[in-house]
């Protein structure tokens, strides 16, 4: 019989080979996971850096292009010596070619675009604007250019008729700055020429009813309760009262349990639609993407002793936004705008409100809704008055961009520029598309 001390210690060759094979497999798997993680981290960083570069560059571009023309708003015929008048001699420099002998070639705009000037879909834009001193008087004409060389986006600036020197835009040699490297796309597109671009009314749906509207309440649906609605001044003003009170008078504190909180909601509707639920009466609209909208309305002030003056921001809630007509839910990505009732005593304060927004997706069949959740027991007993409710596409949203050539003589009527920019970092692209109104482009507008 073999004793314990005589038993063989260690591993056999076969055991060692199996162990080494297993260890190698584990190392291989761990190494592959580490490499994948590193590649993902580098890719994510590259994507973030390219997006950041594109965003920063777009901001600089917007600041420049928005100033195209940048003329004084003062009247050239002003007789006051203290007013900075628009000197006619500026016209020959702030515009590209206003005195061309050929009428069709007269260029009274303040920009020029070269399509595909850098190759590979890379454009160039040169623009002119007036520069003013700190006291508001005229100083110089600046000519700024954005272009690409070897996929590097560059900016140059040069001054004409300068009374004072500016190192960022000298009057001798142009300053030249590299803005972004690895630029794979830089396109500049002008909007179709328009003499003027005014806001387009979406709500109310007819111009005759701009001041006449009605509000319909939502109730019997979840936590929404009825509210009193009274039309004033031939439907030009609507008074809302009888708000739900979310206050526990026994505990002497606002209600915090979400299931117990009651809200009030009213929807914009057309005059004459008096039957049916709020969803059948409310005026439905479709919101299109990348269009700037503006909600506006007035809140005529109540009497100084109206309880609504006790409205407590941060506790009480008033907001305007949109809800789907079929289910009353708020569209994703489109938040409500909060507002407060007017409280000051100045008779000039009519509580005018403006809220602007843009959506990335088409949103169909939504209605404009005012939502109230009152927690202050005194403010809940007050009145809220609303008038002149409007939803408009603002002027810049009316621009239509085209790749068609714009005649030289019509360039002065172009009122917006679109920039499309893409920057690459280690194979990852960051992109920006910006729409820039240029209201000062063109003579004396």
Protein backbone atom coordinates (compact mmCIF):
# COMPACT_ATOMS: atom_id res chain seq x y z
CA UNK A 1 0.00 0.00 0.00
CA UNK A 2 1.40 3.44 -1.02
CA UNK A 3 1.66 6.03 1.72
CA UNK A 4 0.34 9.61 1.35
CA UNK A 5 3.87 10.96 1.19
CA UNK A 6 4.65 8.75 -1.76
CA UNK A 7 1.70 10.06 -3.91
CA UNK A 8 2.76 12.12 -7.01
CA UNK A 9 2.31 15.92 -6.65
CA UNK A 10 1.65 18.56 -9.46
CA UNK A 11 -0.17 18.36 -12.82
CA UNK A 12 0.24 16.04 -15.72
CA UNK A 13 1.29 17.41 -19.10
CA UNK A 14 -2.23 16.96 -20.42
CA UNK A 15 -3.68 18.96 -17.49
CA UNK A 16 -1.19 21.76 -18.09
CA UNK A 17 -2.06 21.93 -21.79
CA UNK A 18 -5.79 22.12 -21.01
CA UNK A 19 -5.15 24.85 -18.43
CA UNK A 20 -3.03 26.89 -20.84
CA UNK A 21 -5.66 26.54 -23.56
CA UNK A 22 -8.42 27.73 -21.23
CA UNK A 23 -6.31 30.62 -19.99
CA UNK A 24 -5.49 31.65 -23.54
CA UNK A 25 -9.16 31.62 -24.47
CA UNK A 26 -10.05 33.80 -21.49
CA UNK A 27 -7.28 36.28 -22.31
CA UNK A 28 -8.40 36.39 -25.95
CA UNK A 29 -12.02 37.07 -25.01
CA UNK A 30 -11.03 39.70 -22.44
CA UNK A 31 -8.68 41.36 -24.94
CA UNK A 32 -11.38 41.46 -27.62
CA UNK A 33 -13.86 42.97 -25.15
CA UNK A 34 -11.28 45.59 -24.14
CA UNK A 35 -10.54 46.43 -27.78
CA UNK A 36 -14.25 46.72 -28.57
CA UNK A 37 -14.74 48.97 -25.56
CA UNK A 38 -11.79 51.14 -26.56
CA UNK A 39 -13.02 51.45 -30.14
CA UNK A 40 -16.50 52.39 -28.95
CA UNK A 41 -15.07 54.98 -26.56
CA UNK A 42 -12.89 56.49 -29.30
CA UNK A 43 -15.81 56.47 -31.72
CA UNK A 44 -18.09 58.16 -29.19
CA UNK A 45 -15.47 60.78 -28.40
CA UNK A 46 -14.92 61.43 -32.11
CA UNK A 47 -18.65 61.79 -32.66
CA UNK A 48 -18.99 64.22 -29.76
CA UNK A 49 -15.98 66.24 -30.90
CA UNK A 50 -17.21 66.47 -34.49
CA UNK A 51 -20.68 67.54 -33.34
CA UNK A 52 -19.19 70.12 -31.00
CA UNK A 53 -16.96 71.50 -33.75
CA UNK A 54 -19.88 71.70 -36.17
CA UNK A 55 -22.05 73.40 -33.56
CA UNK A 56 -19.42 75.97 -32.59
CA UNK A 57 -18.69 76.74 -36.24
CA UNK A 58 -22.40 77.16 -37.00
CA UNK A 59 -22.67 79.68 -34.16
CA UNK A 60 -19.84 81.79 -35.59
CA UNK A 61 -21.33 81.57 -39.08
CA UNK A 62 -24.72 82.68 -37.85
CA UNK A 63 -23.24 85.74 -36.12
CA UNK A 64 -21.56 86.80 -39.37
CA UNK A 65 -24.32 86.05 -41.86
CA UNK A 66 -27.08 87.61 -39.74
CA UNK A 67 -25.28 90.96 -40.17
CA UNK A 68 -25.26 90.96 -43.98
CA UNK A 69 -25.90 94.57 -45.02
CA UNK A 70 -26.11 95.76 -41.38
CA UNK A 71 -27.19 99.25 -42.40
CA UNK A 72 -28.19 102.06 -40.11
CA UNK A 73 -31.90 102.31 -39.46
CA UNK A 74 -31.66 106.12 -39.30
CA UNK A 75 -33.25 108.24 -42.00
CA UNK A 76 -30.85 109.63 -44.61
CA UNK A 77 -32.88 112.85 -44.72
CA UNK A 78 -32.60 113.54 -41.02
CA UNK A 79 -31.64 117.17 -40.41
CA UNK A 80 -30.29 116.55 -36.92
CA UNK A 81 -26.51 116.72 -36.72
CA UNK A 82 -26.57 114.33 -33.76
CA UNK A 83 -28.17 111.53 -35.75
CA UNK A 84 -26.00 109.01 -37.58
CA UNK A 85 -27.38 109.30 -41.13
CA UNK A 86 -26.97 106.72 -43.84
CA UNK A 87 -24.28 108.32 -46.03
CA UNK A 88 -24.89 107.59 -49.73
CA UNK A 89 -21.17 106.96 -50.21
CA UNK A 90 -21.56 103.76 -48.22
CA UNK A 91 -23.78 102.31 -50.91
CA UNK A 92 -20.85 101.78 -53.24
CA UNK A 93 -19.06 99.57 -50.70
CA UNK A 94 -21.74 97.80 -48.66
CA UNK A 95 -23.33 96.48 -51.87
CA UNK A 96 -21.59 94.18 -54.29
CA UNK A 97 -22.04 96.14 -57.57
CA UNK A 98 -24.91 98.65 -57.43
CA UNK A 99 -23.61 100.91 -60.25
CA UNK A 100 -23.08 98.35 -62.98
CA UNK A 101 -23.71 99.90 -66.40
CA UNK A 102 -25.89 96.93 -67.36
CA UNK A 103 -29.21 97.13 -65.56
CA UNK A 104 -29.61 93.35 -65.24
CA UNK A 105 -26.16 93.07 -63.64
CA UNK A 106 -26.68 95.72 -60.96
CA UNK A 107 -26.12 93.97 -57.65
CA UNK A 108 -27.65 95.85 -54.72
CA UNK A 109 -27.29 92.88 -52.40
CA UNK A 110 -24.54 92.54 -49.79
CA UNK A 111 -23.44 88.95 -50.49
CA UNK A 112 -22.10 86.65 -53.18
CA UNK A 113 -22.15 82.85 -53.23
CA UNK A 114 -19.83 80.63 -55.26
CA UNK A 115 -21.30 77.14 -55.56
CA UNK A 116 -18.83 74.25 -55.30
CA UNK A 117 -15.89 76.66 -55.23
CA UNK A 118 -13.76 74.33 -53.15
CA UNK A 119 -14.83 71.15 -54.90
CA UNK A 120 -16.62 68.18 -53.34
CA UNK A 121 -19.74 70.21 -52.60
CA UNK A 122 -17.89 72.97 -50.73
CA UNK A 123 -19.18 76.51 -51.35
CA UNK A 124 -17.93 80.01 -50.60
CA UNK A 125 -19.77 83.08 -49.37
CA UNK A 126 -18.54 86.68 -49.23
CA UNK A 127 -20.64 89.25 -47.41
CA UNK A 128 -20.44 92.92 -46.54
CA UNK A 129 -21.82 94.88 -43.61
CA UNK A 130 -21.36 98.30 -42.01
CA UNK A 131 -19.32 98.61 -38.84
CA UNK A 132 -20.14 101.23 -36.24
CA UNK A 133 -18.19 102.86 -33.42
CA UNK A 134 -19.18 102.58 -29.79
CA UNK A 135 -21.09 105.88 -30.05
CA UNK A 136 -23.16 104.47 -32.93
CA UNK A 137 -21.50 106.48 -35.71
CA UNK A 138 -20.35 104.89 -38.96
CA UNK A 139 -16.80 103.45 -38.96
CA UNK A 140 -16.18 101.14 -41.93
CA UNK A 141 -17.44 98.54 -44.37
CA UNK A 142 -16.33 95.01 -43.52
CA UNK A 143 -16.04 92.25 -46.12
CA UNK A 144 -16.13 88.76 -44.59
CA UNK A 145 -15.56 85.53 -46.51
CA UNK A 146 -16.06 81.89 -45.52
CA UNK A 147 -14.48 79.26 -47.77
CA UNK A 148 -12.57 75.96 -47.74
CA UNK A 149 -9.07 74.99 -48.77
CA UNK A 150 -7.95 71.36 -48.48
CA UNK A 151 -11.08 70.64 -46.40
CA UNK A 152 -10.17 73.37 -43.92
CA UNK A 153 -12.94 75.96 -43.38
CA UNK A 154 -11.47 79.44 -43.21
CA UNK A 155 -12.70 82.95 -42.44
CA UNK A 156 -11.22 86.19 -43.72
CA UNK A 157 -12.14 89.82 -42.99
CA UNK A 158 -11.08 93.10 -44.57
CA UNK A 159 -12.24 96.70 -43.97
CA UNK A 160 -12.95 99.52 -46.41
CA UNK A 161 -13.07 103.27 -45.62
CA UNK A 162 -12.07 102.54 -42.02
CA UNK A 163 -11.84 105.56 -39.74
CA UNK A 164 -10.42 103.44 -36.91
CA UNK A 165 -8.36 100.25 -37.18
CA UNK A 166 -9.67 96.89 -36.00
CA UNK A 167 -7.08 94.13 -35.69
CA UNK A 168 -9.73 91.47 -36.29
CA UNK A 169 -10.67 93.11 -39.58
CA UNK A 170 -7.76 95.26 -40.85
CA UNK A 171 -7.92 97.67 -43.77
CA UNK A 172 -4.71 96.48 -45.44
CA UNK A 173 -4.33 92.70 -45.75
CA UNK A 174 -7.27 90.47 -44.85
CA UNK A 175 -7.08 88.61 -41.57
CA UNK A 176 -7.29 84.88 -42.19
CA UNK A 177 -8.32 82.35 -39.52
CA UNK A 178 -8.67 78.57 -39.77
CA UNK A 179 -12.05 77.72 -38.25
CA UNK A 180 -12.47 73.95 -38.66
CA UNK A 181 -10.54 71.04 -40.16
CA UNK A 182 -11.85 67.95 -41.95
CA UNK A 183 -14.88 69.78 -43.33
CA UNK A 184 -16.70 67.36 -45.64
CA UNK A 185 -19.71 69.56 -46.44
CA UNK A 186 -20.18 73.32 -46.63
CA UNK A 187 -23.14 74.41 -48.74
CA UNK A 188 -24.64 77.87 -48.84
CA UNK A 189 -28.14 78.27 -50.26
CA UNK A 190 -30.14 81.48 -50.68
CA UNK A 191 -33.89 81.63 -50.20
CA UNK A 192 -36.13 82.49 -53.11
CA UNK A 193 -36.32 86.28 -53.41
CA UNK A 194 -39.20 87.94 -51.60
CA UNK A 195 -39.99 91.61 -51.23
CA UNK A 196 -41.32 90.99 -47.73
CA UNK A 197 -42.00 88.06 -45.48
CA UNK A 198 -44.80 88.45 -42.99
CA UNK A 199 -45.98 86.09 -40.31
CA UNK A 200 -48.60 83.58 -41.47
CA UNK A 201 -51.59 83.00 -39.22
CA UNK A 202 -52.32 79.36 -38.30
CA UNK A 203 -54.82 79.99 -35.49
CA UNK A 204 -57.44 81.36 -35.67
CA UNK A 205 -57.92 79.84 -39.09
CA UNK A 206 -59.44 82.95 -40.70
CA UNK A 207 -58.25 86.54 -40.55
CA UNK A 208 -61.75 87.75 -39.71
CA UNK A 209 -61.64 85.86 -36.41
CA UNK A 210 -58.24 87.03 -35.18
CA UNK A 211 -59.82 88.64 -32.13
CA UNK A 212 -62.92 86.49 -31.83
CA UNK A 213 -62.41 83.02 -30.40
CA UNK A 214 -63.77 80.76 -27.72
CA UNK A 215 -62.41 78.28 -25.22
CA UNK A 216 -64.02 74.94 -24.43
CA UNK A 217 -63.35 73.05 -21.17
CA UNK A 218 -62.09 69.52 -20.71
CA UNK A 219 -63.69 67.55 -17.89
CA UNK A 220 -64.72 64.03 -16.90
CA UNK A 221 -61.40 62.78 -18.24
CA UNK A 222 -58.84 61.72 -15.64
CA UNK A 223 -58.12 64.48 -13.15
CA UNK A 224 -59.66 67.28 -15.26
CA UNK A 225 -62.64 69.13 -13.81
CA UNK A 226 -65.07 71.73 -15.26
CA UNK A 227 -64.19 75.42 -15.17
CA UNK A 228 -66.31 78.53 -15.76
CA UNK A 229 -65.80 80.26 -19.13
CA UNK A 230 -67.42 83.62 -19.91
CA UNK A 231 -67.01 85.63 -23.13
CA UNK A 232 -66.56 89.40 -22.87
CA UNK A 233 -66.42 92.25 -25.38
CA UNK A 234 -68.03 90.39 -28.28
CA UNK A 235 -65.84 87.32 -27.83
CA UNK A 236 -62.61 89.34 -27.85
CA UNK A 237 -61.85 88.47 -24.21
CA UNK A 238 -62.55 85.21 -22.37
CA UNK A 239 -62.76 85.12 -18.56
CA UNK A 240 -61.91 81.85 -16.81
CA UNK A 241 -62.86 81.23 -13.18
CA UNK A 242 -63.93 78.49 -10.78
CA UNK A 243 -60.57 76.72 -10.70
CA UNK A 244 -60.16 73.48 -8.78
CA UNK A 245 -58.57 74.05 -5.37
CA UNK A 246 -55.73 71.67 -4.53
CA UNK A 247 -55.47 72.66 -0.89
CA UNK A 248 -56.11 70.53 2.19
CA UNK A 249 -57.93 72.87 4.57
CA UNK A 250 -57.78 70.29 7.38
CA UNK A 251 -54.01 69.80 7.15
CA UNK A 252 -53.58 73.43 6.05
CA UNK A 253 -51.18 72.63 3.22
CA UNK A 254 -51.27 72.04 -0.55
CA UNK A 255 -52.26 68.58 -1.76
CA UNK A 256 -49.23 66.59 -2.91
CA UNK A 257 -50.71 63.17 -3.76
CA UNK A 258 -50.81 63.08 -7.58
CA UNK A 259 -53.96 60.96 -7.60
CA UNK A 260 -55.81 63.65 -5.64
CA UNK A 261 -54.63 66.69 -7.61
CA UNK A 262 -57.29 68.23 -9.86
CA UNK A 263 -56.54 70.30 -12.97
CA UNK A 264 -58.45 72.52 -15.36
CA UNK A 265 -57.84 72.64 -19.08
CA UNK A 266 -59.43 74.69 -21.87
CA UNK A 267 -58.95 74.41 -25.64
CA UNK A 268 -59.01 77.01 -28.39
CA UNK A 269 -62.06 76.47 -30.59
CA UNK A 270 -63.84 78.14 -33.47
CA UNK A 271 -66.82 80.41 -32.91
CA UNK A 272 -70.06 78.63 -33.76
CA UNK A 273 -69.02 75.08 -32.90
CA UNK A 274 -71.20 74.64 -29.83
CA UNK A 275 -71.93 70.93 -29.74
CA UNK A 276 -69.90 67.93 -28.73
CA UNK A 277 -66.91 67.30 -26.51
CA UNK A 278 -63.76 69.38 -26.36
CA UNK A 279 -62.08 66.99 -28.83
CA UNK A 280 -64.77 67.59 -31.43
CA UNK A 281 -64.88 71.36 -30.91
CA UNK A 282 -61.21 72.27 -30.56
CA UNK A 283 -59.48 73.65 -33.63
CA UNK A 284 -57.04 71.06 -34.98
CA UNK A 285 -53.74 72.00 -36.59
CA UNK A 286 -50.76 70.18 -38.06
CA UNK A 287 -47.28 71.34 -37.03
CA UNK A 288 -44.58 70.78 -39.64
CA UNK A 289 -40.92 70.19 -38.77
CA UNK A 290 -38.16 72.82 -38.80
CA UNK A 291 -40.65 75.65 -38.94
CA UNK A 292 -40.57 78.35 -36.27
CA UNK A 293 -43.95 79.00 -34.67
CA UNK A 294 -45.06 81.63 -32.21
CA UNK A 295 -47.87 81.37 -29.67
CA UNK A 296 -49.06 84.78 -28.55
CA UNK A 297 -51.92 86.04 -26.41
CA UNK A 298 -52.80 88.87 -24.08
CA UNK A 299 -53.90 88.69 -20.46
CA UNK A 300 -55.86 91.86 -19.68
CA UNK A 301 -55.34 92.80 -16.06
CA UNK A 302 -58.15 92.30 -13.55
CA UNK A 303 -59.05 94.62 -10.70
CA UNK A 304 -56.30 95.24 -8.18
CA UNK A 305 -58.15 93.21 -5.54
CA UNK A 306 -58.65 90.15 -7.76
CA UNK A 307 -57.47 87.01 -5.90
CA UNK A 308 -55.39 85.91 -8.92
CA UNK A 309 -52.78 88.41 -7.72
CA UNK A 310 -51.95 85.85 -5.02
CA UNK A 311 -50.69 83.42 -7.68
CA UNK A 312 -47.57 81.71 -6.37
CA UNK A 313 -44.94 80.83 -9.04
CA UNK A 314 -43.42 77.44 -8.37
CA UNK A 315 -46.56 76.24 -6.64
CA UNK A 316 -49.47 77.30 -8.85
CA UNK A 317 -49.33 76.26 -12.49
CA UNK A 318 -50.48 77.94 -15.70
CA UNK A 319 -49.23 76.76 -19.07
CA UNK A 320 -50.08 76.75 -22.76
CA UNK A 321 -49.21 74.01 -25.22
CA UNK A 322 -50.72 71.36 -27.45
CA UNK A 323 -52.65 68.12 -26.96
CA UNK A 324 -53.67 65.43 -29.43
CA UNK A 325 -57.34 65.83 -30.24
CA UNK A 326 -58.06 62.11 -30.12
CA UNK A 327 -56.62 61.31 -26.68
CA UNK A 328 -55.65 64.57 -24.97
CA UNK A 329 -52.00 63.53 -24.55
CA UNK A 330 -49.08 65.91 -24.93
CA UNK A 331 -46.90 65.34 -28.04
CA UNK A 332 -43.44 63.96 -27.31
CA UNK A 333 -40.71 66.57 -27.46
CA UNK A 334 -43.09 69.54 -27.37
CA UNK A 335 -43.30 70.92 -23.84
CA UNK A 336 -45.79 73.43 -22.49
CA UNK A 337 -44.89 77.08 -21.86
CA UNK A 338 -45.56 78.32 -18.34
CA UNK A 339 -46.84 81.84 -17.68
CA UNK A 340 -48.12 83.98 -14.80
CA UNK A 341 -51.07 86.34 -14.50
CA UNK A 342 -50.32 90.09 -14.66
CA UNK A 343 -49.96 91.66 -11.23
CA UNK A 344 -48.51 95.15 -11.70
CA UNK A 345 -50.72 98.18 -11.69
CA UNK A 346 -49.35 99.95 -14.78
CA UNK A 347 -52.21 100.51 -17.21
CA UNK A 348 -49.83 99.85 -20.09
CA UNK A 349 -49.38 96.24 -18.96
CA UNK A 350 -51.86 94.10 -20.86
CA UNK A 351 -49.99 90.90 -20.07
CA UNK A 352 -48.78 90.25 -23.62
CA UNK A 353 -47.14 86.83 -23.96
CA UNK A 354 -44.94 85.45 -26.79
CA UNK A 355 -43.64 81.86 -26.94
CA UNK A 356 -41.64 80.48 -29.88
CA UNK A 357 -40.89 76.86 -30.67
CA UNK A 358 -39.85 74.44 -33.41
CA UNK A 359 -40.44 70.71 -33.79
CA UNK A 360 -38.27 68.09 -35.50
CA UNK A 361 -41.20 65.90 -36.51
CA UNK A 362 -44.60 66.39 -38.12
CA UNK A 363 -47.28 66.57 -35.41
CA UNK A 364 -50.82 66.10 -36.67
CA UNK A 365 -54.26 66.80 -35.22
CA UNK A 366 -53.28 68.77 -32.14
CA UNK A 367 -55.22 71.52 -30.39
CA UNK A 368 -53.92 74.47 -28.40
CA UNK A 369 -54.61 73.99 -24.70
CA UNK A 370 -54.35 76.18 -21.59
CA UNK A 371 -53.74 74.13 -18.44
CA UNK A 372 -54.24 75.28 -14.83
CA UNK A 373 -53.41 73.55 -11.56
CA UNK A 374 -54.06 75.85 -8.59
CA UNK A 375 -52.67 75.10 -5.13
CA UNK A 376 -52.97 78.49 -3.40
CA UNK A 377 -56.46 78.61 -1.87
CA UNK A 378 -56.91 82.34 -2.46
CA UNK A 379 -55.49 82.47 -5.99
CA UNK A 380 -57.79 79.59 -6.95
CA UNK A 381 -60.81 81.86 -6.49
CA UNK A 382 -59.48 84.49 -8.92
CA UNK A 383 -60.22 85.22 -12.56
CA UNK A 384 -57.92 84.78 -15.54
CA UNK A 385 -58.70 86.80 -18.66
CA UNK A 386 -57.26 85.84 -22.06
CA UNK A 387 -57.57 87.64 -25.39
CA UNK A 388 -56.03 87.79 -28.87
CA UNK A 389 -54.88 84.18 -28.94
CA UNK A 390 -52.79 83.44 -32.03
CA UNK A 391 -50.55 80.76 -33.45
CA UNK A 392 -48.37 81.98 -36.30
CA UNK A 393 -45.52 80.85 -38.46
CA UNK A 394 -42.99 83.61 -38.00
CA UNK A 395 -41.56 85.41 -41.00
CA UNK A 396 -38.35 83.41 -41.33
CA UNK A 397 -40.42 80.23 -41.70
CA UNK A 398 -41.91 81.54 -44.94
CA UNK A 399 -38.60 81.34 -46.78
CA UNK A 400 -38.22 78.69 -49.47
CA UNK A 401 -34.69 77.66 -50.35
CA UNK A 402 -33.66 76.80 -53.87
CA UNK A 403 -30.59 75.59 -55.74
CA UNK A 404 -31.76 77.48 -58.79
CA UNK A 405 -29.63 80.43 -59.86
CA UNK A 406 -30.98 83.76 -58.62
CA UNK A 407 -30.68 86.64 -61.05
CA UNK A 408 -28.23 89.34 -60.02
CA UNK A 409 -30.84 92.07 -59.94
CA UNK A 410 -33.11 89.95 -57.68
CA UNK A 411 -30.45 89.14 -55.09
CA UNK A 412 -31.33 92.29 -53.13
CA UNK A 413 -34.68 90.68 -52.26
CA UNK A 414 -33.16 87.53 -50.71
CA UNK A 415 -34.02 87.55 -46.99
CA UNK A 416 -32.51 84.31 -45.68
CA UNK A 417 -29.53 81.98 -46.10
CA UNK A 418 -29.29 78.25 -45.33
CA UNK A 419 -25.98 76.72 -44.28
CA UNK A 420 -25.31 72.96 -44.27
CA UNK A 421 -22.09 71.96 -42.54
CA UNK A 422 -20.46 68.59 -41.82
CA UNK A 423 -17.19 67.97 -39.96
CA UNK A 424 -15.39 64.61 -39.73
CA UNK A 425 -13.32 63.28 -36.81
CA UNK A 426 -11.76 59.82 -37.16
CA UNK A 427 -14.46 58.83 -39.62
CA UNK A 428 -17.36 60.13 -37.49
CA UNK A 429 -19.38 63.07 -38.86
CA UNK A 430 -20.98 65.94 -36.99
CA UNK A 431 -23.51 67.97 -38.96
CA UNK A 432 -25.44 71.22 -38.57
CA UNK A 433 -28.11 72.90 -40.70
CA UNK A 434 -28.95 76.50 -39.85
CA UNK A 435 -31.44 78.98 -41.31
CA UNK A 436 -30.38 82.61 -40.95
CA UNK A 437 -32.65 85.59 -41.74
CA UNK A 438 -30.79 88.52 -43.37
CA UNK A 439 -33.32 91.37 -43.20
CA UNK A 440 -30.72 94.09 -43.91
CA UNK A 441 -29.69 92.64 -47.28
CA UNK A 442 -30.85 95.00 -50.04
CA UNK A 443 -31.05 98.79 -50.33
CA UNK A 444 -32.54 100.84 -47.48
CA UNK A 445 -34.85 98.13 -46.14
